[in-house]
PDB file of N, CA and C in Angstrom:
ATOM      1  N   UNK A   1       3.919  10.831  75.856  1.00  0.00           N
ATOM      2  CA  UNK A   1       3.083  11.503  74.879  1.00  0.00           C
ATOM      3  C   UNK A   1       3.868  11.823  73.601  1.00  0.00           C
ATOM      4  N   UNK A   2       5.110  12.165  73.786  1.00  0.00           N
ATOM      5  CA  UNK A   2       5.955  12.452  72.644  1.00  0.00           C
ATOM      6  C   UNK A   2       6.238  11.177  71.855  1.00  0.00           C
ATOM      7  N   UNK A   3       6.410  10.083  72.580  1.00  0.00           N
ATOM      8  CA  UNK A   3       6.620   8.800  71.912  1.00  0.00           C
ATOM      9  C   UNK A   3       5.400   8.403  71.090  1.00  0.00           C
ATOM     10  N   UNK A   4       4.222   8.663  71.657  1.00  0.00           N
ATOM     11  CA  UNK A   4       2.987   8.359  70.918  1.00  0.00           C
ATOM     12  C   UNK A   4       2.892   9.190  69.648  1.00  0.00           C
ATOM     13  N   UNK A   5       3.234  10.470  69.742  1.00  0.00           N
ATOM     14  CA  UNK A   5       3.192  11.370  68.578  1.00  0.00           C
ATOM     15  C   UNK A   5       4.214  10.915  67.537  1.00  0.00           C
ATOM     16  N   UNK A   6       5.404  10.526  68.031  1.00  0.00           N
ATOM     17  CA  UNK A   6       6.444  10.046  67.118  1.00  0.00           C
ATOM     18  C   UNK A   6       6.006   8.759  66.437  1.00  0.00           C
ATOM     19  N   UNK A   7       5.421   7.856  67.187  1.00  0.00           N
ATOM     20  CA  UNK A   7       4.941   6.589  66.612  1.00  0.00           C
ATOM     21  C   UNK A   7       3.808   6.851  65.607  1.00  0.00           C
ATOM     22  N   UNK A   8       2.935   7.786  65.972  1.00  0.00           N
ATOM     23  CA  UNK A   8       1.835   8.138  65.061  1.00  0.00           C
ATOM     24  C   UNK A   8       2.395   8.719  63.759  1.00  0.00           C
ATOM     25  N   UNK A   9       3.409   9.554  63.872  1.00  0.00           N
ATOM     26  CA  UNK A   9       4.048  10.143  62.695  1.00  0.00           C
ATOM     27  C   UNK A   9       4.725   9.059  61.846  1.00  0.00           C
ATOM     28  N   UNK A  10       5.380   8.123  62.512  1.00  0.00           N
ATOM     29  CA  UNK A  10       6.023   7.007  61.791  1.00  0.00           C
ATOM     30  C   UNK A  10       4.971   6.177  61.061  1.00  0.00           C
ATOM     31  N   UNK A  11       3.840   5.942  61.712  1.00  0.00           N
ATOM     32  CA  UNK A  11       2.764   5.177  61.082  1.00  0.00           C
ATOM     33  C   UNK A  11       2.221   5.929  59.858  1.00  0.00           C
ATOM     34  N   UNK A  12       2.092   7.229  59.966  1.00  0.00           N
ATOM     35  CA  UNK A  12       1.645   8.041  58.838  1.00  0.00           C
ATOM     36  C   UNK A  12       2.633   7.943  57.674  1.00  0.00           C
ATOM     37  N   UNK A  13       3.923   7.954  58.003  1.00  0.00           N
ATOM     38  CA  UNK A  13       4.958   7.810  56.967  1.00  0.00           C
ATOM     39  C   UNK A  13       4.869   6.438  56.294  1.00  0.00           C
ATOM     40  N   UNK A  14       4.687   5.392  57.108  1.00  0.00           N
ATOM     41  CA  UNK A  14       4.563   4.037  56.548  1.00  0.00           C
ATOM     42  C   UNK A  14       3.328   3.957  55.645  1.00  0.00           C
ATOM     43  N   UNK A  15       2.217   4.552  56.100  1.00  0.00           N
ATOM     44  CA  UNK A  15       0.989   4.561  55.303  1.00  0.00           C
ATOM     45  C   UNK A  15       1.201   5.322  53.988  1.00  0.00           C
ATOM     46  N   UNK A  16       1.901   6.459  54.093  1.00  0.00           N
ATOM     47  CA  UNK A  16       2.182   7.261  52.892  1.00  0.00           C
ATOM     48  C   UNK A  16       3.089   6.494  51.936  1.00  0.00           C
ATOM     49  N   UNK A  17       4.097   5.793  52.495  1.00  0.00           N
ATOM     50  CA  UNK A  17       4.991   4.990  51.655  1.00  0.00           C
ATOM     51  C   UNK A  17       4.220   3.865  50.968  1.00  0.00           C
ATOM     52  N   UNK A  18       3.310   3.226  51.712  1.00  0.00           N
ATOM     53  CA  UNK A  18       2.510   2.144  51.135  1.00  0.00           C
ATOM     54  C   UNK A  18       1.613   2.694  50.029  1.00  0.00           C
ATOM     55  N   UNK A  19       1.005   3.855  50.269  1.00  0.00           N
ATOM     56  CA  UNK A  19       0.158   4.485  49.265  1.00  0.00           C
ATOM     57  C   UNK A  19       0.975   4.875  48.038  1.00  0.00           C
ATOM     58  N   UNK A  20       2.179   5.419  48.309  1.00  0.00           N
ATOM     59  CA  UNK A  20       3.079   5.788  47.214  1.00  0.00           C
ATOM     60  C   UNK A  20       3.448   4.551  46.386  1.00  0.00           C
ATOM     61  N   UNK A  21       3.765   3.449  47.030  1.00  0.00           N
ATOM     62  CA  UNK A  21       4.131   2.208  46.335  1.00  0.00           C
ATOM     63  C   UNK A  21       2.951   1.704  45.500  1.00  0.00           C
ATOM     64  N   UNK A  22       1.739   1.802  46.064  1.00  0.00           N
ATOM     65  CA  UNK A  22       0.543   1.371  45.342  1.00  0.00           C
ATOM     66  C   UNK A  22       0.327   2.240  44.103  1.00  0.00           C
ATOM     67  N   UNK A  23       0.440   3.550  44.264  1.00  0.00           N
ATOM     68  CA  UNK A  23       0.270   4.472  43.131  1.00  0.00           C
ATOM     69  C   UNK A  23       1.360   4.245  42.079  1.00  0.00           C
ATOM     70  N   UNK A  24       2.572   3.995  42.544  1.00  0.00           N
ATOM     71  CA  UNK A  24       3.674   3.727  41.616  1.00  0.00           C
ATOM     72  C   UNK A  24       3.400   2.462  40.818  1.00  0.00           C
ATOM     73  N   UNK A  25       2.901   1.423  41.479  1.00  0.00           N
ATOM     74  CA  UNK A  25       2.574   0.175  40.795  1.00  0.00           C
ATOM     75  C   UNK A  25       1.469   0.412  39.760  1.00  0.00           C
ATOM     76  N   UNK A  26       0.474   1.220  40.109  1.00  0.00           N
ATOM     77  CA  UNK A  26      -0.603   1.536  39.157  1.00  0.00           C
ATOM     78  C   UNK A  26      -0.052   2.267  37.936  1.00  0.00           C
ATOM     79  N   UNK A  27       0.828   3.241  38.199  1.00  0.00           N
ATOM     80  CA  UNK A  27       1.427   4.002  37.091  1.00  0.00           C
ATOM     81  C   UNK A  27       2.294   3.106  36.204  1.00  0.00           C
ATOM     82  N   UNK A  28       3.049   2.198  36.828  1.00  0.00           N
ATOM     83  CA  UNK A  28       3.871   1.275  36.045  1.00  0.00           C
ATOM     84  C   UNK A  28       2.995   0.361  35.186  1.00  0.00           C
ATOM     85  N   UNK A  29       1.883  -0.077  35.762  1.00  0.00           N
ATOM     86  CA  UNK A  29       0.950  -0.919  35.017  1.00  0.00           C
ATOM     87  C   UNK A  29       0.356  -0.139  33.845  1.00  0.00           C
ATOM     88  N   UNK A  30      -0.034   1.111  34.109  1.00  0.00           N
ATOM     89  CA  UNK A  30      -0.590   1.953  33.047  1.00  0.00           C
ATOM     90  C   UNK A  30       0.453   2.194  31.958  1.00  0.00           C
ATOM     91  N   UNK A  31       1.700   2.414  32.359  1.00  0.00           N
ATOM     92  CA  UNK A  31       2.779   2.624  31.395  1.00  0.00           C
ATOM     93  C   UNK A  31       2.984   1.368  30.544  1.00  0.00           C
ATOM     94  N   UNK A  32       2.948   0.217  31.180  1.00  0.00           N
ATOM     95  CA  UNK A  32       3.102  -1.044  30.434  1.00  0.00           C
ATOM     96  C   UNK A  32       1.972  -1.195  29.418  1.00  0.00           C
ATOM     97  N   UNK A  33       0.749  -0.835  29.802  1.00  0.00           N
ATOM     98  CA  UNK A  33      -0.377  -0.910  28.865  1.00  0.00           C
ATOM     99  C   UNK A  33      -0.183   0.041  27.694  1.00  0.00           C
ATOM    100  N   UNK A  34       0.276   1.253  27.983  1.00  0.00           N
ATOM    101  CA  UNK A  34       0.529   2.237  26.923  1.00  0.00           C
ATOM    102  C   UNK A  34       1.612   1.724  25.978  1.00  0.00           C
ATOM    103  N   UNK A  35       2.691   1.169  26.545  1.00  0.00           N
ATOM    104  CA  UNK A  35       3.773   0.651  25.713  1.00  0.00           C
ATOM    105  C   UNK A  35       3.298  -0.524  24.876  1.00  0.00           C
ATOM    106  N   UNK A  36       2.458  -1.372  25.460  1.00  0.00           N
ATOM    107  CA  UNK A  36       1.905  -2.502  24.717  1.00  0.00           C
ATOM    108  C   UNK A  36       1.017  -1.995  23.580  1.00  0.00           C
ATOM    109  N   UNK A  37       0.195  -1.004  23.887  1.00  0.00           N
ATOM    110  CA  UNK A  37      -0.661  -0.409  22.857  1.00  0.00           C
ATOM    111  C   UNK A  37       0.161   0.244  21.762  1.00  0.00           C
ATOM    112  N   UNK A  38       1.246   0.895  22.165  1.00  0.00           N
ATOM    113  CA  UNK A  38       2.136   1.533  21.192  1.00  0.00           C
ATOM    114  C   UNK A  38       2.760   0.478  20.283  1.00  0.00           C
ATOM    115  N   UNK A  39       3.201  -0.626  20.868  1.00  0.00           N
ATOM    116  CA  UNK A  39       3.795  -1.704  20.068  1.00  0.00           C
ATOM    117  C   UNK A  39       2.773  -2.273  19.094  1.00  0.00           C
ATOM    118  N   UNK A  40       1.544  -2.458  19.563  1.00  0.00           N
ATOM    119  CA  UNK A  40       0.491  -2.975  18.684  1.00  0.00           C
ATOM    120  C   UNK A  40       0.200  -1.978  17.570  1.00  0.00           C
ATOM    121  N   UNK A  41       0.148  -0.696  17.916  1.00  0.00           N
ATOM    122  CA  UNK A  41      -0.111   0.338  16.907  1.00  0.00           C
ATOM    123  C   UNK A  41       1.015   0.379  15.877  1.00  0.00           C
ATOM    124  N   UNK A  42       2.246   0.211  16.330  1.00  0.00           N
ATOM    125  CA  UNK A  42       3.380   0.197  15.401  1.00  0.00           C
ATOM    126  C   UNK A  42       3.304  -1.003  14.455  1.00  0.00           C
ATOM    127  N   UNK A  43       2.843  -2.141  14.974  1.00  0.00           N
ATOM    128  CA  UNK A  43       2.678  -3.324  14.119  1.00  0.00           C
ATOM    129  C   UNK A  43       1.606  -3.073  13.069  1.00  0.00           C
ATOM    130  N   UNK A  44       0.502  -2.467  13.495  1.00  0.00           N
ATOM    131  CA  UNK A  44      -0.569  -2.144  12.539  1.00  0.00           C
ATOM    132  C   UNK A  44      -0.051  -1.153  11.505  1.00  0.00           C
ATOM    133  N   UNK A  45       0.692  -0.157  11.962  1.00  0.00           N
ATOM    134  CA  UNK A  45       1.257   0.833  11.046  1.00  0.00           C
ATOM    135  C   UNK A  45       2.201   0.177  10.045  1.00  0.00           C
ATOM    136  N   UNK A  46       3.036  -0.722  10.512  1.00  0.00           N
ATOM    137  CA  UNK A  46       3.964  -1.407   9.608  1.00  0.00           C
ATOM    138  C   UNK A  46       3.189  -2.250   8.591  1.00  0.00           C
ATOM    139  N   UNK A  47       2.146  -2.930   9.073  1.00  0.00           N
ATOM    140  CA  UNK A  47       1.304  -3.704   8.153  1.00  0.00           C
ATOM    141  C   UNK A  47       0.652  -2.808   7.116  1.00  0.00           C
ATOM    142  N   UNK A  48       0.223  -1.638   7.555  1.00  0.00           N
ATOM    143  CA  UNK A  48      -0.392  -0.678   6.631  1.00  0.00           C
ATOM    144  C   UNK A  48       0.638  -0.185   5.617  1.00  0.00           C
ATOM    145  N   UNK A  49       1.851   0.076   6.084  1.00  0.00           N
ATOM    146  CA  UNK A  49       2.918   0.507   5.160  1.00  0.00           C
ATOM    147  C   UNK A  49       3.197  -0.567   4.119  1.00  0.00           C
ATOM    148  N   UNK A  50       3.237  -1.815   4.563  1.00  0.00           N
ATOM    149  CA  UNK A  50       3.496  -2.922   3.635  1.00  0.00           C
ATOM    150  C   UNK A  50       2.369  -3.015   2.608  1.00  0.00           C
ATOM    151  N   UNK A  51       1.121  -2.918   3.094  1.00  0.00           N
ATOM    152  CA  UNK A  51      -0.020  -2.972   2.177  1.00  0.00           C
ATOM    153  C   UNK A  51      -0.002  -1.791   1.210  1.00  0.00           C
ATOM    154  N   UNK A  52       0.347  -0.614   1.726  1.00  0.00           N
ATOM    155  CA  UNK A  52       0.410   0.571   0.879  1.00  0.00           C
ATOM    156  C   UNK A  52       1.491   0.398  -0.183  1.00  0.00           C
ATOM    157  N   UNK A  53       2.632  -0.139   0.213  1.00  0.00           N
ATOM    158  CA  UNK A  53       3.711  -0.381  -0.761  1.00  0.00           C
ATOM    159  C   UNK A  53       3.270  -1.365  -1.834  1.00  0.00           C
ATOM    160  N   UNK A  54       2.572  -2.413  -1.419  1.00  0.00           N
ATOM    161  CA  UNK A  54       2.084  -3.397  -2.388  1.00  0.00           C
ATOM    162  C   UNK A  54       1.042  -2.773  -3.310  1.00  0.00           C
ATOM    163  N   UNK A  55       0.189  -1.931  -2.754  1.00  0.00           N
ATOM    164  CA  UNK A  55      -0.831  -1.260  -3.565  1.00  0.00           C
ATOM    165  C   UNK A  55      -0.181  -0.318  -4.572  1.00  0.00           C
ATOM    166  N   UNK A  56       0.814   0.434  -4.120  1.00  0.00           N
ATOM    167  CA  UNK A  56       1.519   1.344  -5.022  1.00  0.00           C
ATOM    168  C   UNK A  56       2.213   0.561  -6.138  1.00  0.00           C
ATOM    169  N   UNK A  57       2.819  -0.562  -5.791  1.00  0.00           N
ATOM    170  CA  UNK A  57       3.486  -1.388  -6.805  1.00  0.00           C
ATOM    171  C   UNK A  57       2.465  -1.925  -7.800  1.00  0.00           C
ATOM    172  N   UNK A  58       1.305  -2.385  -7.286  1.00  0.00           N
ATOM    173  CA  UNK A  58       0.262  -2.906  -8.169  1.00  0.00           C
ATOM    174  C   UNK A  58      -0.257  -1.810  -9.102  1.00  0.00           C
ATOM    175  N   UNK A  59      -0.479  -0.612  -8.548  1.00  0.00           N
ATOM    176  CA  UNK A  59      -0.953   0.497  -9.380  1.00  0.00           C
ATOM    177  C   UNK A  59       0.074   0.863 -10.451  1.00  0.00           C
ATOM    178  N   UNK A  60       1.325   0.831 -10.074  1.00  0.00           N
ATOM    179  CA  UNK A  60       2.383   1.125 -11.042  1.00  0.00           C
ATOM    180  C   UNK A  60       2.375   0.094 -12.168  1.00  0.00           C
ATOM    181  N   UNK A  61       2.240  -1.182 -11.799  1.00  0.00           N
ATOM    182  CA  UNK A  61       2.182  -2.230 -12.816  1.00  0.00           C
ATOM    183  C   UNK A  61       0.944  -2.086 -13.697  1.00  0.00           C
ATOM    184  N   UNK A  62      -0.185  -1.724 -13.074  1.00  0.00           N
ATOM    185  CA  UNK A  62      -1.408  -1.533 -13.854  1.00  0.00           C
ATOM    186  C   UNK A  62      -1.239  -0.386 -14.846  1.00  0.00           C
ATOM    187  N   UNK A  63      -0.570   0.689 -14.420  1.00  0.00           N
ATOM    188  CA  UNK A  63      -0.321   1.813 -15.322  1.00  0.00           C
ATOM    189  C   UNK A  63       0.583   1.369 -16.481  1.00  0.00           C
ATOM    190  N   UNK A  64       1.625   0.594 -16.159  1.00  0.00           N
ATOM    191  CA  UNK A  64       2.528   0.103 -17.206  1.00  0.00           C
ATOM    192  C   UNK A  64       1.783  -0.811 -18.173  1.00  0.00           C
ATOM    193  N   UNK A  65       0.949  -1.699 -17.627  1.00  0.00           N
ATOM    194  CA  UNK A  65       0.169  -2.592 -18.489  1.00  0.00           C
ATOM    195  C   UNK A  65      -0.801  -1.818 -19.358  1.00  0.00           C
ATOM    196  N   UNK A  66      -1.425  -0.809 -18.797  1.00  0.00           N
ATOM    197  CA  UNK A  66      -2.362   0.015 -19.554  1.00  0.00           C
ATOM    198  C   UNK A  66      -1.637   0.727 -20.697  1.00  0.00           C
ATOM    199  N   UNK A  67      -0.465   1.265 -20.398  1.00  0.00           N
ATOM    200  CA  UNK A  67       0.323   1.948 -21.430  1.00  0.00           C
ATOM    201  C   UNK A  67       0.756   0.959 -22.510  1.00  0.00           C
ATOM    202  N   UNK A  68       1.187  -0.230 -22.099  1.00  0.00           N
ATOM    203  CA  UNK A  68       1.603  -1.250 -23.074  1.00  0.00           C
ATOM    204  C   UNK A  68       0.406  -1.686 -23.916  1.00  0.00           C
ATOM    205  N   UNK A  69      -0.756  -1.814 -23.284  1.00  0.00           N
ATOM    206  CA  UNK A  69      -1.964  -2.200 -24.020  1.00  0.00           C
ATOM    207  C   UNK A  69      -2.313  -1.133 -25.063  1.00  0.00           C
ATOM    208  N   UNK A  70      -2.251   0.125 -24.667  1.00  0.00           N
ATOM    209  CA  UNK A  70      -2.551   1.215 -25.596  1.00  0.00           C
ATOM    210  C   UNK A  70      -1.552   1.219 -26.754  1.00  0.00           C
ATOM    211  N   UNK A  71      -0.284   0.992 -26.444  1.00  0.00           N
ATOM    212  CA  UNK A  71       0.748   0.944 -27.486  1.00  0.00           C
ATOM    213  C   UNK A  71       0.488  -0.220 -28.441  1.00  0.00           C
ATOM    214  N   UNK A  72       0.159  -1.383 -27.881  1.00  0.00           N
ATOM    215  CA  UNK A  72      -0.135  -2.546 -28.735  1.00  0.00           C
ATOM    216  C   UNK A  72      -1.373  -2.317 -29.587  1.00  0.00           C
ATOM    217  N   UNK A  73      -2.393  -1.682 -29.019  1.00  0.00           N
ATOM    218  CA  UNK A  73      -3.606  -1.391 -29.778  1.00  0.00           C
ATOM    219  C   UNK A  73      -3.287  -0.451 -30.937  1.00  0.00           C
ATOM    220  N   UNK A  74      -2.452   0.544 -30.684  1.00  0.00           N
ATOM    221  CA  UNK A  74      -2.058   1.478 -31.744  1.00  0.00           C
ATOM    222  C   UNK A  74      -1.279   0.748 -32.839  1.00  0.00           C
ATOM    223  N   UNK A  75      -0.377  -0.146 -32.446  1.00  0.00           N
ATOM    224  CA  UNK A  75       0.382  -0.924 -33.435  1.00  0.00           C
ATOM    225  C   UNK A  75      -0.546  -1.826 -34.248  1.00  0.00           C
ATOM    226  N   UNK A  76      -1.527  -2.442 -33.567  1.00  0.00           N
ATOM    227  CA  UNK A  76      -2.486  -3.301 -34.281  1.00  0.00           C
ATOM    228  C   UNK A  76      -3.278  -2.486 -35.291  1.00  0.00           C
ATOM    229  N   UNK A  77      -3.727  -1.300 -34.890  1.00  0.00           N
ATOM    230  CA  UNK A  77      -4.461  -0.428 -35.821  1.00  0.00           C
ATOM    231  C   UNK A  77      -3.595  -0.069 -37.023  1.00  0.00           C
ATOM    232  N   UNK A  78      -2.325   0.231 -36.750  1.00  0.00           N
ATOM    233  CA  UNK A  78      -1.400   0.581 -37.832  1.00  0.00           C
ATOM    234  C   UNK A  78      -1.219  -0.610 -38.776  1.00  0.00           C
ATOM    235  N   UNK A  79      -1.058  -1.798 -38.209  1.00  0.00           N
ATOM    236  CA  UNK A  79      -0.872  -2.993 -39.045  1.00  0.00           C
ATOM    237  C   UNK A  79      -2.130  -3.289 -39.862  1.00  0.00           C
ATOM    238  N   UNK A  80      -3.281  -3.084 -39.254  1.00  0.00           N
ATOM    239  CA  UNK A  80      -4.536  -3.307 -39.984  1.00  0.00           C
ATOM    240  C   UNK A  80      -4.628  -2.338 -41.155  1.00  0.00           C
ATOM    241  N   UNK A  81      -4.251  -1.096 -40.914  1.00  0.00           N
ATOM    242  CA  UNK A  81      -4.274  -0.109 -42.005  1.00  0.00           C
ATOM    243  C   UNK A  81      -3.280  -0.487 -43.095  1.00  0.00           C
ATOM    244  N   UNK A  82      -2.075  -0.928 -42.671  1.00  0.00           N
ATOM    245  CA  UNK A  82      -1.062  -1.343 -43.652  1.00  0.00           C
ATOM    246  C   UNK A  82      -1.566  -2.531 -44.464  1.00  0.00           C
ATOM    247  N   UNK A  83      -2.182  -3.503 -43.763  1.00  0.00           N
ATOM    248  CA  UNK A  83      -2.711  -4.671 -44.477  1.00  0.00           C
ATOM    249  C   UNK A  83      -3.838  -4.270 -45.422  1.00  0.00           C
ATOM    250  N   UNK A  84      -4.670  -3.310 -44.980  1.00  0.00           N
ATOM    251  CA  UNK A  84      -5.737  -2.801 -45.855  1.00  0.00           C
ATOM    252  C   UNK A  84      -5.149  -2.167 -47.099  1.00  0.00           C
ATOM    253  N   UNK A  85      -4.059  -1.410 -46.927  1.00  0.00           N
ATOM    254  CA  UNK A  85      -3.396  -0.782 -48.080  1.00  0.00           C
ATOM    255  C   UNK A  85      -2.811  -1.833 -49.009  1.00  0.00           C
ATOM    256  N   UNK A  86      -2.205  -2.871 -48.436  1.00  0.00           N
ATOM    257  CA  UNK A  86      -1.632  -3.960 -49.245  1.00  0.00           C
ATOM    258  C   UNK A  86      -2.745  -4.673 -50.013  1.00  0.00           C
ATOM    259  N   UNK A  87      -3.872  -4.906 -49.331  1.00  0.00           N
ATOM    260  CA  UNK A  87      -5.012  -5.582 -49.975  1.00  0.00           C
ATOM    261  C   UNK A  87      -5.535  -4.736 -51.135  1.00  0.00           C
ATOM    262  N   UNK A  88      -5.678  -3.437 -50.892  1.00  0.00           N
ATOM    263  CA  UNK A  88      -6.145  -2.540 -51.960  1.00  0.00           C
ATOM    264  C   UNK A  88      -5.181  -2.572 -53.155  1.00  0.00           C
ATOM    265  N   UNK A  89      -3.880  -2.565 -52.844  1.00  0.00           N
ATOM    266  CA  UNK A  89      -2.870  -2.606 -53.916  1.00  0.00           C
ATOM    267  C   UNK A  89      -2.972  -3.929 -54.668  1.00  0.00           C
ATOM    268  N   UNK A  90      -3.122  -5.040 -53.930  1.00  0.00           N
ATOM    269  CA  UNK A  90      -3.255  -6.345 -54.583  1.00  0.00           C
ATOM    270  C   UNK A  90      -4.494  -6.406 -55.459  1.00  0.00           C
ATOM    271  N   UNK A  91      -5.606  -5.856 -54.980  1.00  0.00           N
ATOM    272  CA  UNK A  91      -6.834  -5.829 -55.789  1.00  0.00           C
ATOM    273  C   UNK A  91      -6.630  -4.989 -57.039  1.00  0.00           C
ATOM    274  N   UNK A  92      -5.945  -3.853 -56.890  1.00  0.00           N
ATOM    275  CA  UNK A  92      -5.666  -2.999 -58.060  1.00  0.00           C
ATOM    276  C   UNK A  92      -4.754  -3.730 -59.041  1.00  0.00           C
ATOM    277  N   UNK A  93      -3.744  -4.430 -58.487  1.00  0.00           N
ATOM    278  CA  UNK A  93      -2.830  -5.196 -59.356  1.00  0.00           C
ATOM    279  C   UNK A  93      -3.585  -6.305 -60.076  1.00  0.00           C
ATOM    280  N   UNK A  94      -4.490  -6.994 -59.365  1.00  0.00           N
ATOM    281  CA  UNK A  94      -5.286  -8.054 -59.993  1.00  0.00           C
ATOM    282  C   UNK A  94      -6.188  -7.475 -61.081  1.00  0.00           C
ATOM    283  N   UNK A  95      -6.779  -6.337 -60.822  1.00  0.00           N
ATOM    284  CA  UNK A  95      -7.652  -5.699 -61.815  1.00  0.00           C
ATOM    285  C   UNK A  95      -6.837  -5.310 -63.038  1.00  0.00           C
ATOM    286  N   UNK A  96      -5.627  -4.821 -62.813  1.00  0.00           N
ATOM    287  CA  UNK A  96      -4.754  -4.448 -63.933  1.00  0.00           C
ATOM    288  C   UNK A  96      -4.366  -5.683 -64.729  1.00  0.00           C
ATOM    289  N   UNK A  97      -4.094  -6.809 -64.049  1.00  0.00           N
ATOM    290  CA  UNK A  97      -3.731  -8.051 -64.744  1.00  0.00           C
ATOM    291  C   UNK A  97      -4.906  -8.567 -65.569  1.00  0.00           C
ATOM    292  N   UNK A  98      -6.094  -8.524 -64.954  1.00  0.00           N
ATOM    293  CA  UNK A  98      -7.280  -8.977 -65.665  1.00  0.00           C
ATOM    294  C   UNK A  98      -7.515  -8.102 -66.896  1.00  0.00           C
ATOM    295  N   UNK A  99      -7.300  -6.801 -66.709  1.00  0.00           N
ATOM    296  CA  UNK A  99      -7.475  -5.886 -67.839  1.00  0.00           C
ATOM    297  C   UNK A  99      -6.424  -6.164 -68.895  1.00  0.00           C
ATOM    298  N   UNK A 100      -5.192  -6.444 -68.435  1.00  0.00           N
ATOM    299  CA  UNK A 100      -4.099  -6.704 -69.406  1.00  0.00           C
ATOM    300  C   UNK A 100      -4.383  -8.006 -70.132  1.00  0.00           C
ATOM    301  N   UNK A 101      -4.884  -9.044 -69.456  1.00  0.00           N
ATOM    302  CA  UNK A 101      -5.207 -10.298 -70.125  1.00  0.00           C
ATOM    303  C   UNK A 101      -6.381 -10.105 -71.068  1.00  0.00           C
ATOM    304  N   UNK A 102      -7.290  -9.231 -70.655  1.00  0.00           N
ATOM    305  CA  UNK A 102      -8.471  -8.982 -71.483  1.00  0.00           C
ATOM    306  C   UNK A 102      -8.101  -8.297 -72.774  1.00  0.00           C
ATOM    307  N   UNK A 103      -7.033  -7.518 -72.767  1.00  0.00           N
ATOM    308  CA  UNK A 103      -6.595  -6.809 -73.975  1.00  0.00           C
ATOM    309  C   UNK A 103      -5.848  -7.742 -74.906  1.00  0.00           C
ATOM    310  N   UNK A 104      -5.278  -8.772 -74.383  1.00  0.00           N
ATOM    311  CA  UNK A 104      -4.460  -9.668 -75.218  1.00  0.00           C
ATOM    312  C   UNK A 104      -5.325 -10.586 -75.940  1.00  0.00           C
TER     313      UNK A 104
END
Protein backbone atom coordinates (compact mmCIF):
# COMPACT_ATOMS: atom_id res chain seq x y z
CA UNK A 1 0.00 0.00 0.00
CA UNK A 2 2.87 2.31 0.74
CA UNK A 3 4.44 1.47 -2.60
CA UNK A 4 1.18 2.34 -4.33
CA UNK A 5 1.03 5.69 -2.50
CA UNK A 6 4.67 6.36 -3.38
CA UNK A 7 4.07 5.47 -7.03
CA UNK A 8 0.95 7.64 -7.07
CA UNK A 9 2.97 10.53 -5.62
CA UNK A 10 5.70 10.00 -8.22
CA UNK A 11 3.08 10.03 -10.97
CA UNK A 12 1.67 13.29 -9.59
CA UNK A 13 5.18 14.77 -9.64
CA UNK A 14 5.71 13.63 -13.25
CA UNK A 15 2.32 15.12 -14.20
CA UNK A 16 3.21 18.37 -12.42
CA UNK A 17 6.60 18.47 -14.17
CA UNK A 18 4.92 17.88 -17.54
CA UNK A 19 2.40 20.64 -16.80
CA UNK A 20 5.21 22.92 -15.67
CA UNK A 21 7.15 22.23 -18.90
CA UNK A 22 4.02 22.93 -20.96
CA UNK A 23 3.38 26.22 -19.14
CA UNK A 24 7.04 27.17 -19.48
CA UNK A 25 6.90 26.52 -23.23
CA UNK A 26 3.76 28.69 -23.49
CA UNK A 27 5.45 31.50 -21.57
CA UNK A 28 8.57 31.25 -23.74
CA UNK A 29 6.40 31.41 -26.84
CA UNK A 30 4.55 34.43 -25.46
CA UNK A 31 7.88 36.08 -24.61
CA UNK A 32 9.15 35.45 -28.14
CA UNK A 33 5.99 37.08 -29.54
CA UNK A 34 6.43 40.09 -27.26
CA UNK A 35 10.08 40.43 -28.28
CA UNK A 36 9.14 40.13 -31.94
CA UNK A 37 6.45 42.78 -31.48
CA UNK A 38 8.95 44.98 -29.66
CA UNK A 39 11.44 44.62 -32.52
CA UNK A 40 8.73 45.49 -35.05
CA UNK A 41 7.66 48.49 -32.95
CA UNK A 42 11.27 49.67 -32.74
CA UNK A 43 11.57 49.43 -36.53
CA UNK A 44 8.40 51.48 -36.95
CA UNK A 45 9.70 53.98 -34.40
CA UNK A 46 13.02 54.28 -36.22
CA UNK A 47 11.18 54.78 -39.51
CA UNK A 48 9.08 57.46 -37.87
CA UNK A 49 12.21 59.16 -36.51
CA UNK A 50 13.76 59.13 -39.98
CA UNK A 51 10.58 60.58 -41.51
CA UNK A 52 10.38 63.19 -38.75
CA UNK A 53 14.01 64.17 -39.36
CA UNK A 54 13.36 64.49 -43.08
CA UNK A 55 10.23 66.55 -42.41
CA UNK A 56 12.12 68.85 -40.04
CA UNK A 57 14.88 69.28 -42.63
CA UNK A 58 12.31 70.04 -45.34
CA UNK A 59 10.54 72.58 -43.11
CA UNK A 60 13.85 74.22 -42.32
CA UNK A 61 14.67 74.48 -46.02
CA UNK A 62 11.20 75.85 -46.75
CA UNK A 63 11.70 78.51 -44.06
CA UNK A 64 15.10 79.42 -45.55
CA UNK A 65 13.61 79.59 -49.04
CA UNK A 66 10.74 81.72 -47.81
CA UNK A 67 13.16 84.11 -46.11
CA UNK A 68 15.34 84.26 -49.24
CA UNK A 69 12.25 84.88 -51.38
CA UNK A 70 11.14 87.73 -49.12
CA UNK A 71 14.65 89.21 -49.21
CA UNK A 72 14.76 88.97 -53.01
CA UNK A 73 11.31 90.53 -53.30
CA UNK A 74 12.43 93.43 -51.11
CA UNK A 75 15.56 93.90 -53.24
CA UNK A 76 13.45 93.81 -56.43
CA UNK A 77 11.12 96.47 -54.99
CA UNK A 78 14.13 98.59 -54.07
CA UNK A 79 15.62 98.22 -57.56
CA UNK A 80 12.29 99.10 -59.16
CA UNK A 81 12.11 102.23 -57.03
CA UNK A 82 15.71 103.11 -57.91
CA UNK A 83 14.99 102.57 -61.61
CA UNK A 84 11.85 104.71 -61.28
CA UNK A 85 13.97 107.47 -59.73
CA UNK A 86 16.55 107.17 -62.52
CA UNK A 87 13.76 107.31 -65.13
CA UNK A 88 12.26 110.40 -63.49
CA UNK A 89 15.71 112.03 -63.44
CA UNK A 90 16.28 111.13 -67.11
CA UNK A 91 12.88 112.58 -68.06
CA UNK A 92 13.69 115.76 -66.11
CA UNK A 93 17.11 115.94 -67.81
CA UNK A 94 15.47 115.46 -71.23
CA UNK A 95 12.92 118.17 -70.47
CA UNK A 96 15.73 120.50 -69.41
CA UNK A 97 17.65 119.73 -72.64
CA UNK A 98 14.56 120.33 -74.75
CA UNK A 99 13.99 123.58 -72.90
CA UNK A 100 17.65 124.55 -73.33
CA UNK A 101 17.49 123.79 -77.08
CA UNK A 102 14.24 125.69 -77.30
CA UNK A 103 15.92 128.77 -75.83
CA UNK A 104 18.79 128.66 -78.28
